[in-house]
């Protein structure tokens, strides 16, 4: 019987003949309907934090005019998320694996809300808020403090609350809420900000849901984990201590390849999201079209991740799915570096952005699951957190390099960029080259066992190859 009248789905696992007595406690697992509420809160929080992160990128020119700063300063409103997250990520991984899920999420929701409100600086004056760049940066920094607390959580939530048949799907849903927030920023920011005077209204619109989500998290999330585990690995989820787990990761060759190659992939897609409007405006494409391309990138990424998540939940072919999609995304990145420099090619640019999202963005949750599989029994937050840190470090490096490679154009008759017009030809070639190089490195050198699945098979059935055979789990509602 569950407390407070809460109904649960009961999942009974029958051990194979001769199973060890100490494994009998693993024979009864439960999954609670409460897990869907926790997943909803995490999705909303992830989405809100992403909209705050990229509020200004789709309307960089108007933001620069309103705050009276350069485009480089506007880029730092997004880059601060990356810079702040790097040192905090190590503390966040420790916090998730030791302090627990509830405190991490609640703290993240409060920081996210305070960041959104902090950007609304000054007092109302004729219905418009007076903003200053430094105060907006403070608000962005508070939101940046929340990002690691939020973005590291999907694999931990999936591992503790969802059965093995739903883990990849739950991780996909939670992880893709972040690009959904990026999608909303790409759509809403250009739609709301027609002139620079609309920036205060934009910040107010993004602050309202942040407050509501903070209330849901504070009141609704009541525990770190369910009373009864949903799977064998969750039941025996005593992961390695943080320092010991970190040392194990540094000795895991497969994990290090994944860390470097997918960290570079995260950096490439971060550059794409932040710089898209600045790249396209040189050839005469409007902010609305750049927002549409960003939206297509996210929509197709979400659709692809949904299909891919269901596929790997059924087949467990994490490696094959990742290698194929990374190869296709590298081809799409090369195509973008070409078509983005051509004027009057809206269909081609939109198509390539869609393919880049479909093949590249869709593998993020699968890679997060793969990082846990290749590094088990290291804690989920530690394994996924280091990949995130790698992506953040490389994002800062890539953006600095790409901006340094731009050249100011004296004459650009097609430009819709405003006062500062830059050539992105060389940076786009460099970005495509980096994407291709690390994709080849991953395809040829990444090989690993699925350590967590093997451990679950051993614990549940007493032998590795029992999955799919006699004694498979059944579920009663």
Protein backbone atom coordinates (compact mmCIF):
# COMPACT_ATOMS: atom_id res chain seq x y z
CA UNK A 1 0.00 0.00 0.00
CA UNK A 2 1.27 3.51 -0.81
CA UNK A 3 0.85 6.47 1.53
CA UNK A 4 -1.56 9.35 0.81
CA UNK A 5 -3.65 7.18 -1.46
CA UNK A 6 -1.03 7.40 -4.20
CA UNK A 7 -1.40 4.66 -6.78
CA UNK A 8 1.60 2.93 -8.22
CA UNK A 9 2.39 0.60 -11.04
CA UNK A 10 3.96 -2.60 -9.71
CA UNK A 11 6.66 -4.28 -11.65
CA UNK A 12 7.45 -7.85 -10.45
CA UNK A 13 10.63 -9.51 -11.58
CA UNK A 14 10.95 -13.27 -11.31
CA UNK A 15 14.52 -14.40 -10.77
CA UNK A 16 16.06 -17.10 -12.89
CA UNK A 17 16.50 -20.51 -11.31
CA UNK A 18 19.21 -20.56 -8.69
CA UNK A 19 19.26 -16.80 -8.09
CA UNK A 20 21.24 -15.81 -5.01
CA UNK A 21 19.26 -15.15 -1.78
CA UNK A 22 20.75 -11.67 -1.33
CA UNK A 23 19.14 -10.64 -4.62
CA UNK A 24 15.58 -11.35 -3.46
CA UNK A 25 15.11 -7.74 -2.42
CA UNK A 26 15.55 -6.81 -6.10
CA UNK A 27 12.62 -8.94 -7.22
CA UNK A 28 9.94 -6.33 -6.55
CA UNK A 29 10.18 -2.90 -8.17
CA UNK A 30 7.65 -0.10 -8.34
CA UNK A 31 7.20 2.92 -10.56
CA UNK A 32 5.16 5.81 -9.19
CA UNK A 33 2.88 8.16 -11.09
CA UNK A 34 4.55 10.97 -9.17
CA UNK A 35 7.56 10.56 -11.47
CA UNK A 36 5.65 12.27 -14.30
CA UNK A 37 5.07 15.39 -12.17
CA UNK A 38 8.78 15.56 -11.34
CA UNK A 39 9.60 15.14 -15.02
CA UNK A 40 7.14 17.94 -15.87
CA UNK A 41 8.72 20.34 -13.35
CA UNK A 42 12.20 19.56 -14.63
CA UNK A 43 11.07 20.10 -18.23
CA UNK A 44 9.46 23.46 -17.43
CA UNK A 45 12.51 24.56 -15.45
CA UNK A 46 14.91 23.49 -18.19
CA UNK A 47 12.81 25.29 -20.81
CA UNK A 48 12.61 28.50 -18.77
CA UNK A 49 16.34 28.56 -18.11
CA UNK A 50 17.08 28.13 -21.81
CA UNK A 51 14.81 31.05 -22.79
CA UNK A 52 16.62 33.26 -20.25
CA UNK A 53 19.99 32.07 -21.59
CA UNK A 54 19.28 32.99 -25.22
CA UNK A 55 16.91 35.91 -24.71
CA UNK A 56 19.15 38.35 -26.55
CA UNK A 57 20.84 36.22 -29.25
CA UNK A 58 17.93 36.30 -31.77
CA UNK A 59 17.61 40.10 -31.38
CA UNK A 60 21.28 40.98 -30.93
CA UNK A 61 21.14 44.21 -32.93
CA UNK A 62 18.12 45.64 -31.09
CA UNK A 63 19.60 44.57 -27.74
CA UNK A 64 22.89 46.32 -28.54
CA UNK A 65 21.03 49.47 -29.51
CA UNK A 66 18.87 49.45 -26.38
CA UNK A 67 21.71 48.78 -23.95
CA UNK A 68 24.13 50.96 -25.93
CA UNK A 69 26.84 48.29 -26.13
CA UNK A 70 28.57 46.34 -28.93
CA UNK A 71 27.51 43.02 -30.42
CA UNK A 72 30.44 41.43 -28.61
CA UNK A 73 28.98 42.63 -25.30
CA UNK A 74 25.59 41.15 -26.24
CA UNK A 75 27.26 37.82 -27.01
CA UNK A 76 28.67 37.83 -23.47
CA UNK A 77 25.12 37.87 -22.09
CA UNK A 78 24.88 34.35 -23.52
CA UNK A 79 28.50 33.36 -22.95
CA UNK A 80 28.26 34.12 -19.23
CA UNK A 81 26.18 30.93 -18.90
CA UNK A 82 29.08 28.96 -20.27
CA UNK A 83 31.79 30.71 -18.25
CA UNK A 84 29.92 30.48 -14.93
CA UNK A 85 28.90 26.86 -15.50
CA UNK A 86 32.46 25.60 -15.92
CA UNK A 87 33.69 26.01 -12.31
CA UNK A 88 30.25 25.28 -10.82
CA UNK A 89 29.77 22.02 -12.70
CA UNK A 90 32.07 20.07 -10.41
CA UNK A 91 30.15 21.23 -7.34
CA UNK A 92 26.86 20.43 -9.03
CA UNK A 93 27.87 16.86 -9.86
CA UNK A 94 28.89 16.34 -6.23
CA UNK A 95 25.64 17.92 -5.05
CA UNK A 96 23.42 15.68 -7.19
CA UNK A 97 25.23 12.49 -6.24
CA UNK A 98 25.46 13.26 -2.49
CA UNK A 99 22.93 15.89 -1.37
CA UNK A 100 20.19 14.65 -3.68
CA UNK A 101 17.72 15.52 -6.40
CA UNK A 102 15.18 17.59 -4.46
CA UNK A 103 17.51 20.25 -3.01
CA UNK A 104 19.33 20.56 -6.32
CA UNK A 105 16.15 21.20 -8.31
CA UNK A 106 14.61 23.58 -5.77
CA UNK A 107 17.82 25.62 -5.55
CA UNK A 108 18.01 25.72 -9.34
CA UNK A 109 14.42 26.97 -9.61
CA UNK A 110 15.07 29.80 -7.13
CA UNK A 111 18.24 30.95 -8.88
CA UNK A 112 16.43 30.82 -12.22
CA UNK A 113 13.58 32.98 -10.87
CA UNK A 114 15.93 35.49 -9.23
CA UNK A 115 17.90 35.77 -12.48
CA UNK A 116 14.75 36.46 -14.50
CA UNK A 117 13.58 39.08 -12.01
CA UNK A 118 17.05 40.58 -11.66
CA UNK A 119 17.05 41.57 -15.32
CA UNK A 120 14.02 43.77 -14.67
CA UNK A 121 16.08 46.52 -13.14
CA UNK A 122 15.00 50.04 -12.24
CA UNK A 123 11.44 51.21 -11.71
CA UNK A 124 8.52 51.48 -14.16
CA UNK A 125 8.48 54.73 -16.02
CA UNK A 126 5.62 55.30 -18.42
CA UNK A 127 5.15 51.53 -18.63
CA UNK A 128 8.77 50.90 -19.64
CA UNK A 129 11.55 49.60 -17.41
CA UNK A 130 14.90 51.39 -17.51
CA UNK A 131 17.62 48.82 -17.97
CA UNK A 132 21.40 48.96 -17.74
CA UNK A 133 23.81 46.45 -19.17
CA UNK A 134 25.54 45.65 -15.88
CA UNK A 135 22.26 44.84 -14.11
CA UNK A 136 21.10 42.68 -17.00
CA UNK A 137 24.42 40.86 -16.75
CA UNK A 138 23.83 40.24 -13.04
CA UNK A 139 20.48 38.67 -13.85
CA UNK A 140 22.04 36.53 -16.58
CA UNK A 141 24.71 35.42 -14.12
CA UNK A 142 22.11 34.26 -11.60
CA UNK A 143 20.42 32.29 -14.35
CA UNK A 144 23.82 30.87 -15.28
CA UNK A 145 24.28 29.68 -11.68
CA UNK A 146 21.04 27.71 -12.06
CA UNK A 147 21.92 26.05 -15.37
CA UNK A 148 24.23 23.25 -14.11
CA UNK A 149 21.75 22.42 -11.33
CA UNK A 150 19.06 21.93 -13.97
CA UNK A 151 20.84 20.53 -16.98
CA UNK A 152 22.70 17.77 -15.11
CA UNK A 153 19.50 16.38 -13.60
CA UNK A 154 17.77 14.40 -16.43
CA UNK A 155 19.95 11.28 -16.21
CA UNK A 156 19.72 11.26 -12.40
CA UNK A 157 15.93 11.63 -12.45
CA UNK A 158 15.59 8.93 -15.11
CA UNK A 159 17.86 6.54 -13.19
CA UNK A 160 16.12 6.98 -9.81
CA UNK A 161 12.45 7.22 -10.83
CA UNK A 162 12.00 5.38 -14.15
CA UNK A 163 12.33 1.68 -15.08
CA UNK A 164 15.01 0.62 -17.53
CA UNK A 165 12.45 0.41 -20.35
CA UNK A 166 11.63 4.13 -19.94
CA UNK A 167 14.99 5.64 -18.95
CA UNK A 168 16.15 6.78 -22.39
CA UNK A 169 12.68 8.17 -23.18
CA UNK A 170 12.48 10.09 -19.87
CA UNK A 171 16.00 11.42 -20.39
CA UNK A 172 15.07 12.47 -23.93
CA UNK A 173 11.96 14.35 -22.79
CA UNK A 174 13.83 16.16 -20.01
CA UNK A 175 16.90 16.94 -22.10
CA UNK A 176 14.91 18.18 -25.10
CA UNK A 177 13.02 20.68 -22.97
CA UNK A 178 16.22 22.75 -23.05
CA UNK A 179 16.22 23.09 -26.86
CA UNK A 180 12.47 23.70 -26.64
CA UNK A 181 13.32 26.77 -24.56
CA UNK A 182 15.85 27.79 -27.20
CA UNK A 183 13.09 27.34 -29.79
CA UNK A 184 10.76 29.63 -27.84
CA UNK A 185 13.51 32.22 -27.54
CA UNK A 186 14.13 32.09 -31.29
CA UNK A 187 10.41 32.54 -32.00
CA UNK A 188 9.27 34.91 -29.25
CA UNK A 189 12.23 37.27 -29.11
CA UNK A 190 12.02 38.41 -32.78
CA UNK A 191 8.20 38.38 -32.58
CA UNK A 192 8.06 40.65 -29.53
CA UNK A 193 11.09 42.87 -30.20
CA UNK A 194 10.26 44.86 -33.33
CA UNK A 195 12.29 47.82 -32.08
CA UNK A 196 14.81 48.20 -29.27
CA UNK A 197 12.17 49.75 -26.97
CA UNK A 198 10.45 46.36 -26.69
CA UNK A 199 13.34 44.73 -24.77
CA UNK A 200 11.81 45.45 -21.28
CA UNK A 201 8.53 43.78 -22.32
CA UNK A 202 10.47 40.74 -23.51
CA UNK A 203 12.24 40.39 -20.15
CA UNK A 204 8.96 40.68 -18.26
CA UNK A 205 7.33 37.97 -20.39
CA UNK A 206 10.21 35.58 -19.66
CA UNK A 207 10.15 36.34 -15.91
CA UNK A 208 6.51 35.32 -15.30
CA UNK A 209 6.84 31.57 -16.02
CA UNK A 210 10.11 31.43 -14.03
CA UNK A 211 8.20 32.51 -10.91
CA UNK A 212 5.43 29.94 -11.47
CA UNK A 213 7.92 27.10 -12.02
CA UNK A 214 9.79 28.03 -8.84
CA UNK A 215 6.52 27.68 -6.91
CA UNK A 216 5.83 24.24 -8.44
CA UNK A 217 9.32 22.98 -7.63
CA UNK A 218 9.35 24.29 -4.07
CA UNK A 219 5.91 22.93 -3.17
CA UNK A 220 5.66 19.84 -5.38
CA UNK A 221 9.02 18.08 -5.16
CA UNK A 222 8.99 16.22 -1.84
CA UNK A 223 11.70 13.56 -2.00
CA UNK A 224 14.97 12.64 -3.67
CA UNK A 225 13.94 9.15 -4.72
CA UNK A 226 10.86 6.89 -4.59
CA UNK A 227 10.20 4.61 -1.58
CA UNK A 228 10.76 1.54 -3.76
CA UNK A 229 13.25 1.49 -6.62
CA UNK A 230 12.06 1.10 -10.24
CA UNK A 231 15.02 -1.03 -11.39
CA UNK A 232 17.94 -3.11 -10.21
CA UNK A 233 20.49 -0.35 -10.82
CA UNK A 234 18.36 2.17 -8.90
CA UNK A 235 18.02 -0.30 -6.02
CA UNK A 236 21.79 -0.73 -5.86
CA UNK A 237 22.51 2.89 -6.81
CA UNK A 238 25.38 3.40 -4.38
CA UNK A 239 27.70 5.02 -6.90
CA UNK A 240 31.40 5.61 -6.45
CA UNK A 241 32.39 8.58 -4.23
CA UNK A 242 32.85 11.73 -6.27
CA UNK A 243 36.68 11.87 -6.15
CA UNK A 244 37.05 8.15 -6.79
CA UNK A 245 34.51 8.34 -9.62
CA UNK A 246 36.40 11.24 -11.17
CA UNK A 247 39.62 9.20 -11.11
CA UNK A 248 37.85 6.23 -12.71
CA UNK A 249 36.59 8.46 -15.53
CA UNK A 250 40.09 9.77 -16.24
CA UNK A 251 41.28 6.15 -16.68
CA UNK A 252 38.35 5.18 -18.92
CA UNK A 253 39.60 5.54 -22.51
CA UNK A 254 36.16 5.15 -24.12
CA UNK A 255 34.70 7.81 -21.84
CA UNK A 256 37.55 10.22 -22.59
CA UNK A 257 36.93 9.86 -26.34
CA UNK A 258 33.23 10.56 -25.74
CA UNK A 259 34.12 13.51 -23.49
CA UNK A 260 36.29 15.17 -26.11
CA UNK A 261 34.25 14.42 -29.24
CA UNK A 262 30.77 15.15 -27.94
CA UNK A 263 32.06 18.14 -25.97
CA UNK A 264 33.17 19.53 -29.32
CA UNK A 265 29.73 18.76 -30.74
CA UNK A 266 28.05 20.70 -27.93
CA UNK A 267 30.40 23.61 -28.62
CA UNK A 268 29.56 23.65 -32.34
CA UNK A 269 25.82 23.71 -31.64
CA UNK A 270 26.26 26.41 -28.99
CA UNK A 271 28.09 28.55 -31.55
CA UNK A 272 25.31 27.89 -34.04
CA UNK A 273 22.60 28.98 -31.57
CA UNK A 274 24.39 32.12 -30.39
CA UNK A 275 25.77 33.35 -33.73
CA UNK A 276 23.03 32.31 -36.19
CA UNK A 277 21.42 35.74 -36.51
CA UNK A 278 24.80 37.49 -36.93
CA UNK A 279 25.87 35.02 -39.63
CA UNK A 280 22.68 35.21 -41.69
CA UNK A 281 22.10 38.98 -41.53
CA UNK A 282 25.24 39.63 -43.60
CA UNK A 283 23.56 38.08 -46.65
CA UNK A 284 20.34 40.03 -46.17
CA UNK A 285 18.33 37.54 -44.13
CA UNK A 286 16.05 39.13 -41.53
CA UNK A 287 15.83 38.42 -37.81
CA UNK A 288 12.50 36.70 -38.42
CA UNK A 289 14.08 34.31 -40.92
CA UNK A 290 17.01 33.64 -38.58
CA UNK A 291 14.48 32.92 -35.83
CA UNK A 292 12.64 30.56 -38.19
CA UNK A 293 15.88 28.70 -38.96
CA UNK A 294 16.63 28.42 -35.26
CA UNK A 295 13.11 27.14 -34.69
CA UNK A 296 13.43 24.53 -37.44
CA UNK A 297 16.76 23.46 -35.97
CA UNK A 298 15.10 22.84 -32.59
CA UNK A 299 11.83 21.34 -33.86
CA UNK A 300 13.55 18.75 -36.01
CA UNK A 301 15.99 18.07 -33.17
CA UNK A 302 13.09 17.38 -30.79
CA UNK A 303 11.33 15.16 -33.34
CA UNK A 304 14.54 13.27 -34.04
CA UNK A 305 15.37 12.85 -30.36
CA UNK A 306 11.89 11.50 -29.63
CA UNK A 307 12.16 8.86 -32.34
CA UNK A 308 15.76 8.05 -31.42
CA UNK A 309 14.96 7.80 -27.71
CA UNK A 310 12.19 5.28 -28.34
CA UNK A 311 14.47 3.33 -30.69
CA UNK A 312 17.36 2.97 -28.24
CA UNK A 313 14.95 2.15 -25.38
CA UNK A 314 13.82 -0.85 -27.44
CA UNK A 315 17.11 -1.89 -29.03
CA UNK A 316 19.80 -0.52 -26.65
CA UNK A 317 21.93 0.35 -29.70
CA UNK A 318 23.38 3.52 -28.23
CA UNK A 319 26.71 3.36 -30.05
CA UNK A 320 25.34 2.67 -33.52
CA UNK A 321 22.72 5.42 -33.25
CA UNK A 322 25.29 7.95 -32.03
CA UNK A 323 27.90 7.21 -34.69
CA UNK A 324 25.44 7.36 -37.58
CA UNK A 325 23.82 10.58 -36.42
CA UNK A 326 27.14 12.30 -35.67
CA UNK A 327 28.35 11.48 -39.19
CA UNK A 328 25.20 12.88 -40.78
CA UNK A 329 25.32 16.00 -38.60
CA UNK A 330 28.92 16.64 -39.73
CA UNK A 331 27.75 16.58 -43.35
CA UNK A 332 24.93 18.98 -42.45
CA UNK A 333 27.43 21.30 -40.72
CA UNK A 334 29.57 21.39 -43.87
CA UNK A 335 26.49 22.19 -45.95
CA UNK A 336 25.54 25.04 -43.56
CA UNK A 337 29.01 26.56 -43.84
CA UNK A 338 28.38 26.84 -47.59
CA UNK A 339 24.73 27.88 -47.93
CA UNK A 340 24.82 30.39 -45.04
CA UNK A 341 27.21 32.53 -47.10
CA UNK A 342 24.86 32.66 -50.12
CA UNK A 343 22.20 35.38 -50.54
CA UNK A 344 18.62 34.60 -51.56
CA UNK A 345 18.81 30.90 -50.65
CA UNK A 346 16.12 30.72 -47.98
CA UNK A 347 14.91 27.22 -48.83
CA UNK A 348 18.44 25.79 -48.82
CA UNK A 349 19.39 27.52 -45.56
CA UNK A 350 16.16 26.43 -43.83
CA UNK A 351 16.58 22.84 -45.08
CA UNK A 352 20.16 22.56 -43.87
CA UNK A 353 19.24 24.00 -40.45
CA UNK A 354 16.47 21.40 -40.19
CA UNK A 355 18.85 18.55 -41.04
CA UNK A 356 21.45 19.86 -38.60
CA UNK A 357 18.86 19.70 -35.83
CA UNK A 358 17.47 16.33 -36.94
CA UNK A 359 20.82 14.55 -36.92
CA UNK A 360 22.87 16.59 -34.45
CA UNK A 361 20.59 17.84 -31.71
CA UNK A 362 18.69 14.57 -31.50
CA UNK A 363 21.63 12.54 -30.14
CA UNK A 364 22.17 14.65 -26.99
CA UNK A 365 20.00 12.53 -24.63
CA UNK A 366 21.28 9.30 -26.18
CA UNK A 367 24.88 10.37 -25.58
CA UNK A 368 24.05 11.25 -21.98
CA UNK A 369 22.73 7.71 -21.48
CA UNK A 370 25.77 6.33 -23.30
CA UNK A 371 28.09 8.23 -20.96
CA UNK A 372 26.43 6.53 -17.98
CA UNK A 373 26.58 3.10 -19.65
CA UNK A 374 30.28 3.45 -20.46
CA UNK A 375 31.26 4.74 -16.99
CA UNK A 376 29.06 2.77 -14.55
CA UNK A 377 29.28 2.59 -11.49
CA UNK A 378 30.39 6.25 -11.51
CA UNK A 379 27.49 8.51 -10.52
CA UNK A 380 25.18 9.69 -13.31
CA UNK A 381 25.67 13.37 -12.50
CA UNK A 382 29.45 13.03 -12.55
CA UNK A 383 29.53 11.14 -15.86
CA UNK A 384 27.18 13.51 -17.68
CA UNK A 385 28.43 16.62 -15.88
CA UNK A 386 31.99 16.31 -17.14
CA UNK A 387 30.74 16.05 -20.72
CA UNK A 388 28.74 19.22 -20.16
CA UNK A 389 31.84 20.95 -18.73
CA UNK A 390 33.84 19.84 -21.77
CA UNK A 391 31.16 21.33 -24.02
CA UNK A 392 31.14 24.60 -22.09
CA UNK A 393 34.93 25.01 -22.13
CA UNK A 394 35.11 24.27 -25.83
CA UNK A 395 32.13 26.59 -26.49
CA UNK A 396 33.97 29.55 -24.99
CA UNK A 397 37.11 28.62 -26.92
CA UNK A 398 35.25 28.13 -30.22
CA UNK A 399 33.29 31.38 -29.97
CA UNK A 400 36.43 33.39 -29.14
CA UNK A 401 38.24 31.79 -32.09
CA UNK A 402 35.32 32.26 -34.51
CA UNK A 403 34.85 35.90 -33.53
CA UNK A 404 38.58 36.52 -33.85
CA UNK A 405 38.51 35.14 -37.39
CA UNK A 406 35.77 37.52 -38.56
CA UNK A 407 36.60 40.56 -40.66
CA UNK A 408 34.74 43.85 -40.75
CA UNK A 409 33.11 44.50 -44.12
CA UNK A 410 33.36 48.03 -45.46
CA UNK A 411 30.56 47.53 -47.96
CA UNK A 412 27.68 45.04 -47.73
CA UNK A 413 24.61 46.26 -49.63
CA UNK A 414 22.48 43.25 -48.66
CA UNK A 415 23.21 43.42 -44.94
CA UNK A 416 20.44 43.73 -42.34
CA UNK A 417 22.96 43.65 -39.46
CA UNK A 418 22.83 47.27 -38.41
CA UNK A 419 26.02 49.24 -37.78
CA UNK A 420 28.49 46.33 -37.43
CA UNK A 421 28.82 44.00 -40.46
CA UNK A 422 31.26 41.09 -40.26
CA UNK A 423 32.40 38.44 -42.73
CA UNK A 424 31.86 34.88 -41.42
CA UNK A 425 33.38 32.98 -44.36
CA UNK A 426 36.57 31.79 -42.60
CA UNK A 427 34.85 31.08 -39.23
CA UNK A 428 32.26 28.88 -40.97
CA UNK A 429 34.98 26.85 -42.70
CA UNK A 430 36.77 26.39 -39.37
CA UNK A 431 33.56 25.31 -37.60
CA UNK A 432 32.81 22.72 -40.29
CA UNK A 433 36.38 21.42 -40.08
CA UNK A 434 36.23 21.01 -36.29
CA UNK A 435 32.90 19.20 -36.50
CA UNK A 436 34.21 16.80 -39.16
CA UNK A 437 37.49 16.08 -37.37
CA UNK A 438 35.93 15.14 -34.03
CA UNK A 439 33.21 13.11 -35.72
CA UNK A 440 35.84 10.99 -37.47
CA UNK A 441 37.71 10.63 -34.19
CA UNK A 442 34.57 9.34 -32.46
CA UNK A 443 33.54 6.94 -35.24
CA UNK A 444 36.95 5.26 -35.44
CA UNK A 445 38.06 5.21 -31.80
CA UNK A 446 34.97 4.93 -29.57
CA UNK A 447 34.17 1.40 -28.36
CA UNK A 448 32.67 0.39 -25.02
CA UNK A 449 30.58 -2.14 -23.12
CA UNK A 450 27.18 -1.25 -21.70
CA UNK A 451 28.28 -1.56 -18.08
CA UNK A 452 25.04 -0.50 -16.39
CA UNK A 453 22.88 -2.86 -18.47
CA UNK A 454 25.28 -5.71 -17.76
CA UNK A 455 25.15 -4.98 -14.02
CA UNK A 456 21.34 -4.95 -14.10
CA UNK A 457 21.23 -8.26 -15.92
CA UNK A 458 23.60 -9.78 -13.37
CA UNK A 459 21.62 -8.43 -10.43
CA UNK A 460 18.17 -9.33 -11.77
CA UNK A 461 18.72 -12.62 -13.52
CA UNK A 462 22.03 -13.88 -12.20
CA UNK A 463 23.55 -13.96 -15.69
CA UNK A 464 24.44 -11.39 -18.32
CA UNK A 465 22.64 -12.83 -21.30
CA UNK A 466 19.24 -13.27 -19.68
CA UNK A 467 17.71 -10.10 -21.13
CA UNK A 468 14.84 -10.89 -23.46
CA UNK A 469 14.66 -14.55 -22.46
CA UNK A 470 12.75 -16.52 -19.90
CA UNK A 471 12.15 -14.71 -16.64
CA UNK A 472 11.77 -11.31 -18.34
CA UNK A 473 9.93 -8.71 -16.24
CA UNK A 474 6.17 -8.25 -16.36
CA UNK A 475 4.28 -5.20 -15.27
CA UNK A 476 0.86 -4.93 -13.63
CA UNK A 477 -0.94 -1.66 -13.24
